[in-house]
Amino acid sequence: MANIKSAKKRILTAQRNYERNVAFKSSIKTAVKKAVVLAQAKEKDQAAINSAISEAYKLCDKAVSKGILHKNTAARKKSRLTKAINKLMA
């Protein structure tokens, strides 16, 4: 455990940021899975699929702006999602 006051503060800050980042990344994964599940369904609702993709894109872009994800990581996630959806829709 740290003895210096500023180091103790940094530990608390790092923990708070870690928890926020993990929660945000989890929400991105959930949004991506939701979009894929909608595309895999027998009855494909194009509007719902587009809405789910849009939500996943929005979360990725928001994570980049907050510094949670690198811009290339977000671009890769969006690209993979689009590729998977297109494969399922074909």
PDB file of N, CA and C in Angstrom:
ATOM      1  N   MET A   1       0.844  -1.190   0.000  1.00  0.00           N
ATOM      2  CA  MET A   1       0.000   0.000   0.000  1.00  0.00           C
ATOM      3  C   MET A   1       0.878   1.237   0.000  1.00  0.00           C
ATOM      4  N   ALA A   2       0.418   2.235  -0.688  1.00  0.00           N
ATOM      5  CA  ALA A   2       1.178   3.476  -0.795  1.00  0.00           C
ATOM      6  C   ALA A   2       1.151   4.234   0.535  1.00  0.00           C
ATOM      7  N   ASN A   3       2.236   4.955   0.811  1.00  0.00           N
ATOM      8  CA  ASN A   3       2.331   5.756   2.034  1.00  0.00           C
ATOM      9  C   ASN A   3       2.123   7.240   1.755  1.00  0.00           C
ATOM     10  N   ILE A   4       2.426   7.660   0.533  1.00  0.00           N
ATOM     11  CA  ILE A   4       2.340   9.070   0.185  1.00  0.00           C
ATOM     12  C   ILE A   4       0.897   9.408  -0.191  1.00  0.00           C
ATOM     13  N   LYS A   5       0.457  10.580   0.276  1.00  0.00           N
ATOM     14  CA  LYS A   5      -0.941  10.977   0.083  1.00  0.00           C
ATOM     15  C   LYS A   5      -1.333  11.026  -1.392  1.00  0.00           C
ATOM     16  N   SER A   6      -0.480  11.591  -2.235  1.00  0.00           N
ATOM     17  CA  SER A   6      -0.802  11.701  -3.663  1.00  0.00           C
ATOM     18  C   SER A   6      -0.867  10.316  -4.324  1.00  0.00           C
ATOM     19  N   ALA A   7      -0.031   9.394  -3.877  1.00  0.00           N
ATOM     20  CA  ALA A   7      -0.062   8.030  -4.422  1.00  0.00           C
ATOM     21  C   ALA A   7      -1.368   7.331  -4.033  1.00  0.00           C
ATOM     22  N   LYS A   8      -1.830   7.577  -2.807  1.00  0.00           N
ATOM     23  CA  LYS A   8      -3.109   7.010  -2.374  1.00  0.00           C
ATOM     24  C   LYS A   8      -4.253   7.547  -3.238  1.00  0.00           C
ATOM     25  N   LYS A   9      -4.192   8.843  -3.541  1.00  0.00           N
ATOM     26  CA  LYS A   9      -5.211   9.450  -4.391  1.00  0.00           C
ATOM     27  C   LYS A   9      -5.179   8.843  -5.788  1.00  0.00           C
ATOM     28  N   ARG A  10      -3.979   8.623  -6.318  1.00  0.00           N
ATOM     29  CA  ARG A  10      -3.841   8.035  -7.657  1.00  0.00           C
ATOM     30  C   ARG A  10      -4.427   6.626  -7.696  1.00  0.00           C
ATOM     31  N   ILE A  11      -4.235   5.875  -6.625  1.00  0.00           N
ATOM     32  CA  ILE A  11      -4.802   4.522  -6.558  1.00  0.00           C
ATOM     33  C   ILE A  11      -6.323   4.584  -6.640  1.00  0.00           C
ATOM     34  N   LEU A  12      -6.920   5.502  -5.899  1.00  0.00           N
ATOM     35  CA  LEU A  12      -8.376   5.649  -5.922  1.00  0.00           C
ATOM     36  C   LEU A  12      -8.868   6.091  -7.300  1.00  0.00           C
ATOM     37  N   THR A  13      -8.154   7.036  -7.906  1.00  0.00           N
ATOM     38  CA  THR A  13      -8.525   7.523  -9.231  1.00  0.00           C
ATOM     39  C   THR A  13      -8.408   6.424 -10.271  1.00  0.00           C
ATOM     40  N   ALA A  14      -7.311   5.677 -10.205  1.00  0.00           N
ATOM     41  CA  ALA A  14      -7.100   4.597 -11.170  1.00  0.00           C
ATOM     42  C   ALA A  14      -8.183   3.534 -11.039  1.00  0.00           C
ATOM     43  N   GLN A  15      -8.572   3.218  -9.820  1.00  0.00           N
ATOM     44  CA  GLN A  15      -9.628   2.220  -9.600  1.00  0.00           C
ATOM     45  C   GLN A  15     -10.958   2.697 -10.166  1.00  0.00           C
ATOM     46  N   ARG A  16     -11.278   3.971  -9.937  1.00  0.00           N
ATOM     47  CA  ARG A  16     -12.524   4.536 -10.443  1.00  0.00           C
ATOM     48  C   ARG A  16     -12.543   4.516 -11.978  1.00  0.00           C
ATOM     49  N   ASN A  17     -11.430   4.906 -12.585  1.00  0.00           N
ATOM     50  CA  ASN A  17     -11.334   4.898 -14.047  1.00  0.00           C
ATOM     51  C   ASN A  17     -11.424   3.484 -14.596  1.00  0.00           C
ATOM     52  N   TYR A  18     -10.783   2.536 -13.929  1.00  0.00           N
ATOM     53  CA  TYR A  18     -10.808   1.136 -14.355  1.00  0.00           C
ATOM     54  C   TYR A  18     -12.242   0.613 -14.376  1.00  0.00           C
ATOM     55  N   GLU A  19     -12.985   0.887 -13.314  1.00  0.00           N
ATOM     56  CA  GLU A  19     -14.367   0.405 -13.233  1.00  0.00           C
ATOM     57  C   GLU A  19     -15.235   1.037 -14.324  1.00  0.00           C
ATOM     58  N   ARG A  20     -15.034   2.330 -14.579  1.00  0.00           N
ATOM     59  CA  ARG A  20     -15.787   3.010 -15.634  1.00  0.00           C
ATOM     60  C   ARG A  20     -15.453   2.413 -16.997  1.00  0.00           C
ATOM     61  N   ASN A  21     -14.167   2.191 -17.243  1.00  0.00           N
ATOM     62  CA  ASN A  21     -13.731   1.659 -18.534  1.00  0.00           C
ATOM     63  C   ASN A  21     -14.264   0.256 -18.772  1.00  0.00           C
ATOM     64  N   VAL A  22     -14.215  -0.586 -17.759  1.00  0.00           N
ATOM     65  CA  VAL A  22     -14.704  -1.958 -17.892  1.00  0.00           C
ATOM     66  C   VAL A  22     -16.203  -1.956 -18.179  1.00  0.00           C
ATOM     67  N   ALA A  23     -16.942  -1.106 -17.486  1.00  0.00           N
ATOM     68  CA  ALA A  23     -18.395  -1.029 -17.701  1.00  0.00           C
ATOM     69  C   ALA A  23     -18.702  -0.564 -19.122  1.00  0.00           C
ATOM     70  N   PHE A  24     -17.946   0.411 -19.598  1.00  0.00           N
ATOM     71  CA  PHE A  24     -18.199   0.947 -20.942  1.00  0.00           C
ATOM     72  C   PHE A  24     -17.861  -0.096 -22.002  1.00  0.00           C
ATOM     73  N   LYS A  25     -16.740  -0.796 -21.829  1.00  0.00           N
ATOM     74  CA  LYS A  25     -16.360  -1.832 -22.795  1.00  0.00           C
ATOM     75  C   LYS A  25     -17.382  -2.958 -22.799  1.00  0.00           C
ATOM     76  N   SER A  26     -17.922  -3.274 -21.634  1.00  0.00           N
ATOM     77  CA  SER A  26     -18.944  -4.315 -21.542  1.00  0.00           C
ATOM     78  C   SER A  26     -20.206  -3.909 -22.291  1.00  0.00           C
ATOM     79  N   SER A  27     -20.582  -2.641 -22.201  1.00  0.00           N
ATOM     80  CA  SER A  27     -21.776  -2.181 -22.905  1.00  0.00           C
ATOM     81  C   SER A  27     -21.577  -2.233 -24.420  1.00  0.00           C
ATOM     82  N   ILE A  28     -20.346  -2.003 -24.871  1.00  0.00           N
ATOM     83  CA  ILE A  28     -20.044  -2.109 -26.301  1.00  0.00           C
ATOM     84  C   ILE A  28     -20.206  -3.561 -26.752  1.00  0.00           C
ATOM     85  N   LYS A  29     -19.653  -4.484 -25.980  1.00  0.00           N
ATOM     86  CA  LYS A  29     -19.768  -5.906 -26.327  1.00  0.00           C
ATOM     87  C   LYS A  29     -21.226  -6.341 -26.370  1.00  0.00           C
ATOM     88  N   THR A  30     -22.023  -5.869 -25.412  1.00  0.00           N
ATOM     89  CA  THR A  30     -23.442  -6.212 -25.362  1.00  0.00           C
ATOM     90  C   THR A  30     -24.171  -5.691 -26.594  1.00  0.00           C
ATOM     91  N   ALA A  31     -23.866  -4.460 -26.994  1.00  0.00           N
ATOM     92  CA  ALA A  31     -24.511  -3.865 -28.169  1.00  0.00           C
ATOM     93  C   ALA A  31     -24.149  -4.639 -29.438  1.00  0.00           C
ATOM     94  N   VAL A  32     -22.884  -5.052 -29.538  1.00  0.00           N
ATOM     95  CA  VAL A  32     -22.444  -5.813 -30.711  1.00  0.00           C
ATOM     96  C   VAL A  32     -23.160  -7.172 -30.755  1.00  0.00           C
ATOM     97  N   LYS A  33     -23.227  -7.842 -29.611  1.00  0.00           N
ATOM     98  CA  LYS A  33     -23.896  -9.145 -29.558  1.00  0.00           C
ATOM     99  C   LYS A  33     -25.378  -9.017 -29.894  1.00  0.00           C
ATOM    100  N   LYS A  34     -26.007  -7.943 -29.424  1.00  0.00           N
ATOM    101  CA  LYS A  34     -27.430  -7.728 -29.702  1.00  0.00           C
ATOM    102  C   LYS A  34     -27.660  -7.586 -31.208  1.00  0.00           C
ATOM    103  N   ALA A  35     -26.786  -6.853 -31.873  1.00  0.00           N
ATOM    104  CA  ALA A  35     -26.915  -6.670 -33.321  1.00  0.00           C
ATOM    105  C   ALA A  35     -26.747  -7.994 -34.058  1.00  0.00           C
ATOM    106  N   VAL A  36     -25.783  -8.792 -33.629  1.00  0.00           N
ATOM    107  CA  VAL A  36     -25.531 -10.085 -34.281  1.00  0.00           C
ATOM    108  C   VAL A  36     -26.706 -11.032 -34.059  1.00  0.00           C
ATOM    109  N   VAL A  37     -27.247 -11.050 -32.850  1.00  0.00           N
ATOM    110  CA  VAL A  37     -28.394 -11.922 -32.552  1.00  0.00           C
ATOM    111  C   VAL A  37     -29.599 -11.529 -33.402  1.00  0.00           C
ATOM    112  N   LEU A  38     -29.827 -10.238 -33.562  1.00  0.00           N
ATOM    113  CA  LEU A  38     -30.942  -9.788 -34.407  1.00  0.00           C
ATOM    114  C   LEU A  38     -30.745 -10.222 -35.853  1.00  0.00           C
ATOM    115  N   ALA A  39     -29.496 -10.195 -36.316  1.00  0.00           N
ATOM    116  CA  ALA A  39     -29.215 -10.599 -37.700  1.00  0.00           C
ATOM    117  C   ALA A  39     -29.341 -12.109 -37.877  1.00  0.00           C
ATOM    118  N   GLN A  40     -29.120 -12.875 -36.807  1.00  0.00           N
ATOM    119  CA  GLN A  40     -29.208 -14.335 -36.884  1.00  0.00           C
ATOM    120  C   GLN A  40     -30.636 -14.845 -36.792  1.00  0.00           C
ATOM    121  N   ALA A  41     -31.551 -14.019 -36.340  1.00  0.00           N
ATOM    122  CA  ALA A  41     -32.935 -14.439 -36.142  1.00  0.00           C
ATOM    123  C   ALA A  41     -33.565 -14.855 -37.474  1.00  0.00           C
ATOM    124  N   LYS A  42     -34.539 -15.758 -37.367  1.00  0.00           N
ATOM    125  CA  LYS A  42     -35.214 -16.234 -38.576  1.00  0.00           C
ATOM    126  C   LYS A  42     -35.989 -15.097 -39.248  1.00  0.00           C
ATOM    127  N   GLU A  43     -36.705 -14.341 -38.438  1.00  0.00           N
ATOM    128  CA  GLU A  43     -37.460 -13.202 -38.957  1.00  0.00           C
ATOM    129  C   GLU A  43     -36.588 -11.961 -38.796  1.00  0.00           C
ATOM    130  N   LYS A  44     -35.995 -11.508 -39.896  1.00  0.00           N
ATOM    131  CA  LYS A  44     -35.071 -10.383 -39.831  1.00  0.00           C
ATOM    132  C   LYS A  44     -35.825  -9.060 -39.940  1.00  0.00           C
ATOM    133  N   ASP A  45     -35.738  -8.254 -38.894  1.00  0.00           N
ATOM    134  CA  ASP A  45     -36.335  -6.923 -38.882  1.00  0.00           C
ATOM    135  C   ASP A  45     -35.220  -5.924 -39.196  1.00  0.00           C
ATOM    136  N   GLN A  46     -35.206  -5.456 -40.434  1.00  0.00           N
ATOM    137  CA  GLN A  46     -34.119  -4.590 -40.906  1.00  0.00           C
ATOM    138  C   GLN A  46     -33.998  -3.313 -40.074  1.00  0.00           C
ATOM    139  N   ALA A  47     -35.116  -2.758 -39.669  1.00  0.00           N
ATOM    140  CA  ALA A  47     -35.087  -1.525 -38.880  1.00  0.00           C
ATOM    141  C   ALA A  47     -34.425  -1.755 -37.521  1.00  0.00           C
ATOM    142  N   ALA A  48     -34.755  -2.886 -36.895  1.00  0.00           N
ATOM    143  CA  ALA A  48     -34.167  -3.203 -35.592  1.00  0.00           C
ATOM    144  C   ALA A  48     -32.671  -3.474 -35.718  1.00  0.00           C
ATOM    145  N   ILE A  49     -32.279  -4.155 -36.778  1.00  0.00           N
ATOM    146  CA  ILE A  49     -30.859  -4.447 -37.006  1.00  0.00           C
ATOM    147  C   ILE A  49     -30.085  -3.147 -37.217  1.00  0.00           C
ATOM    148  N   ASN A  50     -30.626  -2.263 -38.054  1.00  0.00           N
ATOM    149  CA  ASN A  50     -29.961  -0.979 -38.300  1.00  0.00           C
ATOM    150  C   ASN A  50     -29.856  -0.152 -37.022  1.00  0.00           C
ATOM    151  N   SER A  51     -30.885  -0.199 -36.203  1.00  0.00           N
ATOM    152  CA  SER A  51     -30.875   0.523 -34.937  1.00  0.00           C
ATOM    153  C   SER A  51     -29.806  -0.027 -34.002  1.00  0.00           C
ATOM    154  N   ALA A  52     -29.684  -1.362 -33.946  1.00  0.00           N
ATOM    155  CA  ALA A  52     -28.685  -1.992 -33.084  1.00  0.00           C
ATOM    156  C   ALA A  52     -27.268  -1.682 -33.561  1.00  0.00           C
ATOM    157  N   ILE A  53     -27.068  -1.696 -34.871  1.00  0.00           N
ATOM    158  CA  ILE A  53     -25.753  -1.361 -35.429  1.00  0.00           C
ATOM    159  C   ILE A  53     -25.418   0.092 -35.107  1.00  0.00           C
ATOM    160  N   SER A  54     -26.382   0.962 -35.265  1.00  0.00           N
ATOM    161  CA  SER A  54     -26.183   2.380 -34.977  1.00  0.00           C
ATOM    162  C   SER A  54     -25.797   2.598 -33.518  1.00  0.00           C
ATOM    163  N   GLU A  55     -26.448   1.877 -32.620  1.00  0.00           N
ATOM    164  CA  GLU A  55     -26.140   1.985 -31.188  1.00  0.00           C
ATOM    165  C   GLU A  55     -24.721   1.512 -30.899  1.00  0.00           C
ATOM    166  N   ALA A  56     -24.313   0.405 -31.514  1.00  0.00           N
ATOM    167  CA  ALA A  56     -22.953  -0.107 -31.319  1.00  0.00           C
ATOM    168  C   ALA A  56     -21.927   0.889 -31.853  1.00  0.00           C
ATOM    169  N   TYR A  57     -22.191   1.461 -33.013  1.00  0.00           N
ATOM    170  CA  TYR A  57     -21.297   2.472 -33.589  1.00  0.00           C
ATOM    171  C   TYR A  57     -21.177   3.675 -32.657  1.00  0.00           C
ATOM    172  N   LYS A  58     -22.322   4.101 -32.130  1.00  0.00           N
ATOM    173  CA  LYS A  58     -22.350   5.275 -31.258  1.00  0.00           C
ATOM    174  C   LYS A  58     -21.506   5.032 -30.001  1.00  0.00           C
ATOM    175  N   LEU A  59     -21.656   3.853 -29.416  1.00  0.00           N
ATOM    176  CA  LEU A  59     -20.891   3.527 -28.218  1.00  0.00           C
ATOM    177  C   LEU A  59     -19.389   3.470 -28.508  1.00  0.00           C
ATOM    178  N   CYS A  60     -19.022   2.909 -29.654  1.00  0.00           N
ATOM    179  CA  CYS A  60     -17.603   2.851 -30.029  1.00  0.00           C
ATOM    180  C   CYS A  60     -17.031   4.259 -30.188  1.00  0.00           C
ATOM    181  N   ASP A  61     -17.760   5.108 -30.880  1.00  0.00           N
ATOM    182  CA  ASP A  61     -17.292   6.476 -31.088  1.00  0.00           C
ATOM    183  C   ASP A  61     -17.209   7.257 -29.780  1.00  0.00           C
ATOM    184  N   LYS A  62     -18.152   7.016 -28.899  1.00  0.00           N
ATOM    185  CA  LYS A  62     -18.150   7.685 -27.605  1.00  0.00           C
ATOM    186  C   LYS A  62     -16.953   7.232 -26.766  1.00  0.00           C
ATOM    187  N   ALA A  63     -16.630   5.938 -26.849  1.00  0.00           N
ATOM    188  CA  ALA A  63     -15.484   5.411 -26.114  1.00  0.00           C
ATOM    189  C   ALA A  63     -14.183   6.039 -26.605  1.00  0.00           C
ATOM    190  N   VAL A  64     -14.093   6.285 -27.906  1.00  0.00           N
ATOM    191  CA  VAL A  64     -12.903   6.935 -28.464  1.00  0.00           C
ATOM    192  C   VAL A  64     -12.797   8.357 -27.934  1.00  0.00           C
ATOM    193  N   SER A  65     -13.908   9.075 -27.919  1.00  0.00           N
ATOM    194  CA  SER A  65     -13.876  10.468 -27.470  1.00  0.00           C
ATOM    195  C   SER A  65     -13.534  10.580 -25.987  1.00  0.00           C
ATOM    196  N   LYS A  66     -13.882   9.553 -25.194  1.00  0.00           N
ATOM    197  CA  LYS A  66     -13.577   9.568 -23.765  1.00  0.00           C
ATOM    198  C   LYS A  66     -12.204   8.974 -23.454  1.00  0.00           C
ATOM    199  N   GLY A  67     -11.530   8.458 -24.481  1.00  0.00           N
ATOM    200  CA  GLY A  67     -10.204   7.890 -24.259  1.00  0.00           C
ATOM    201  C   GLY A  67     -10.213   6.470 -23.742  1.00  0.00           C
ATOM    202  N   ILE A  68     -11.337   5.798 -23.843  1.00  0.00           N
ATOM    203  CA  ILE A  68     -11.445   4.415 -23.359  1.00  0.00           C
ATOM    204  C   ILE A  68     -10.906   3.450 -24.405  1.00  0.00           C
ATOM    205  N   LEU A  69     -11.194   3.718 -25.672  1.00  0.00           N
ATOM    206  CA  LEU A  69     -10.689   2.907 -26.780  1.00  0.00           C
ATOM    207  C   LEU A  69      -9.829   3.764 -27.694  1.00  0.00           C
ATOM    208  N   HIS A  70      -8.855   3.127 -28.336  1.00  0.00           N
ATOM    209  CA  HIS A  70      -8.075   3.785 -29.382  1.00  0.00           C
ATOM    210  C   HIS A  70      -8.946   3.859 -30.632  1.00  0.00           C
ATOM    211  N   LYS A  71      -8.727   4.864 -31.453  1.00  0.00           N
ATOM    212  CA  LYS A  71      -9.591   5.040 -32.632  1.00  0.00           C
ATOM    213  C   LYS A  71      -9.498   3.859 -33.582  1.00  0.00           C
ATOM    214  N   ASN A  72      -8.327   3.246 -33.705  1.00  0.00           N
ATOM    215  CA  ASN A  72      -8.189   2.095 -34.598  1.00  0.00           C
ATOM    216  C   ASN A  72      -8.914   0.873 -34.033  1.00  0.00           C
ATOM    217  N   THR A  73      -8.935   0.735 -32.723  1.00  0.00           N
ATOM    218  CA  THR A  73      -9.665  -0.368 -32.090  1.00  0.00           C
ATOM    219  C   THR A  73     -11.162  -0.230 -32.363  1.00  0.00           C
ATOM    220  N   ALA A  74     -11.667   0.979 -32.223  1.00  0.00           N
ATOM    221  CA  ALA A  74     -13.088   1.215 -32.490  1.00  0.00           C
ATOM    222  C   ALA A  74     -13.405   0.962 -33.964  1.00  0.00           C
ATOM    223  N   ALA A  75     -12.522   1.405 -34.842  1.00  0.00           N
ATOM    224  CA  ALA A  75     -12.733   1.186 -36.273  1.00  0.00           C
ATOM    225  C   ALA A  75     -12.738  -0.308 -36.588  1.00  0.00           C
ATOM    226  N   ARG A  76     -11.846  -1.061 -35.946  1.00  0.00           N
ATOM    227  CA  ARG A  76     -11.782  -2.510 -36.166  1.00  0.00           C
ATOM    228  C   ARG A  76     -13.065  -3.188 -35.675  1.00  0.00           C
ATOM    229  N   LYS A  77     -13.541  -2.781 -34.505  1.00  0.00           N
ATOM    230  CA  LYS A  77     -14.773  -3.366 -33.967  1.00  0.00           C
ATOM    231  C   LYS A  77     -15.961  -3.081 -34.894  1.00  0.00           C
ATOM    232  N   LYS A  78     -16.060  -1.849 -35.379  1.00  0.00           N
ATOM    233  CA  LYS A  78     -17.155  -1.486 -36.270  1.00  0.00           C
ATOM    234  C   LYS A  78     -17.058  -2.246 -37.590  1.00  0.00           C
ATOM    235  N   SER A  79     -15.847  -2.388 -38.094  1.00  0.00           N
ATOM    236  CA  SER A  79     -15.645  -3.103 -39.354  1.00  0.00           C
ATOM    237  C   SER A  79     -16.033  -4.580 -39.210  1.00  0.00           C
ATOM    238  N   ARG A  80     -15.609  -5.187 -38.127  1.00  0.00           N
ATOM    239  CA  ARG A  80     -15.925  -6.605 -37.899  1.00  0.00           C
ATOM    240  C   ARG A  80     -17.422  -6.811 -37.721  1.00  0.00           C
ATOM    241  N   LEU A  81     -18.067  -5.867 -37.037  1.00  0.00           N
ATOM    242  CA  LEU A  81     -19.516  -5.966 -36.860  1.00  0.00           C
ATOM    243  C   LEU A  81     -20.222  -5.885 -38.200  1.00  0.00           C
ATOM    244  N   THR A  82     -19.846  -4.923 -39.016  1.00  0.00           N
ATOM    245  CA  THR A  82     -20.467  -4.752 -40.332  1.00  0.00           C
ATOM    246  C   THR A  82     -20.242  -5.985 -41.193  1.00  0.00           C
ATOM    247  N   LYS A  83     -19.033  -6.513 -41.162  1.00  0.00           N
ATOM    248  CA  LYS A  83     -18.702  -7.699 -41.953  1.00  0.00           C
ATOM    249  C   LYS A  83     -19.545  -8.896 -41.506  1.00  0.00           C
ATOM    250  N   ALA A  84     -19.702  -9.067 -40.185  1.00  0.00           N
ATOM    251  CA  ALA A  84     -20.481 -10.181 -39.668  1.00  0.00           C
ATOM    252  C   ALA A  84     -21.956 -10.046 -40.030  1.00  0.00           C
ATOM    253  N   ILE A  85     -22.492  -8.834 -39.908  1.00  0.00           N
ATOM    254  CA  ILE A  85     -23.902  -8.599 -40.242  1.00  0.00           C
ATOM    255  C   ILE A  85     -24.142  -8.868 -41.727  1.00  0.00           C
ATOM    256  N   ASN A  86     -23.254  -8.362 -42.575  1.00  0.00           N
ATOM    257  CA  ASN A  86     -23.415  -8.570 -44.021  1.00  0.00           C
ATOM    258  C   ASN A  86     -23.354 -10.051 -44.378  1.00  0.00           C
ATOM    259  N   LYS A  87     -22.503 -10.798 -43.697  1.00  0.00           N
ATOM    260  CA  LYS A  87     -22.393 -12.230 -43.941  1.00  0.00           C
ATOM    261  C   LYS A  87     -23.685 -12.944 -43.546  1.00  0.00           C
ATOM    262  N   LEU A  88     -24.268 -12.544 -42.409  1.00  0.00           N
ATOM    263  CA  LEU A  88     -25.498 -13.172 -41.942  1.00  0.00           C
ATOM    264  C   LEU A  88     -26.705 -12.784 -42.803  1.00  0.00           C
ATOM    265  N   MET A  89     -26.685 -11.592 -43.346  1.00  0.00           N
ATOM    266  CA  MET A  89     -27.810 -11.122 -44.152  1.00  0.00           C
ATOM    267  C   MET A  89     -27.798 -11.690 -45.577  1.00  0.00           C
ATOM    268  N   ALA A  90     -26.650 -12.137 -46.038  1.00  0.00           N
ATOM    269  CA  ALA A  90     -26.528 -12.629 -47.415  1.00  0.00           C
ATOM    270  C   ALA A  90     -27.161 -14.000 -47.575  1.00  0.00           C
TER     271      ALA A  90
END
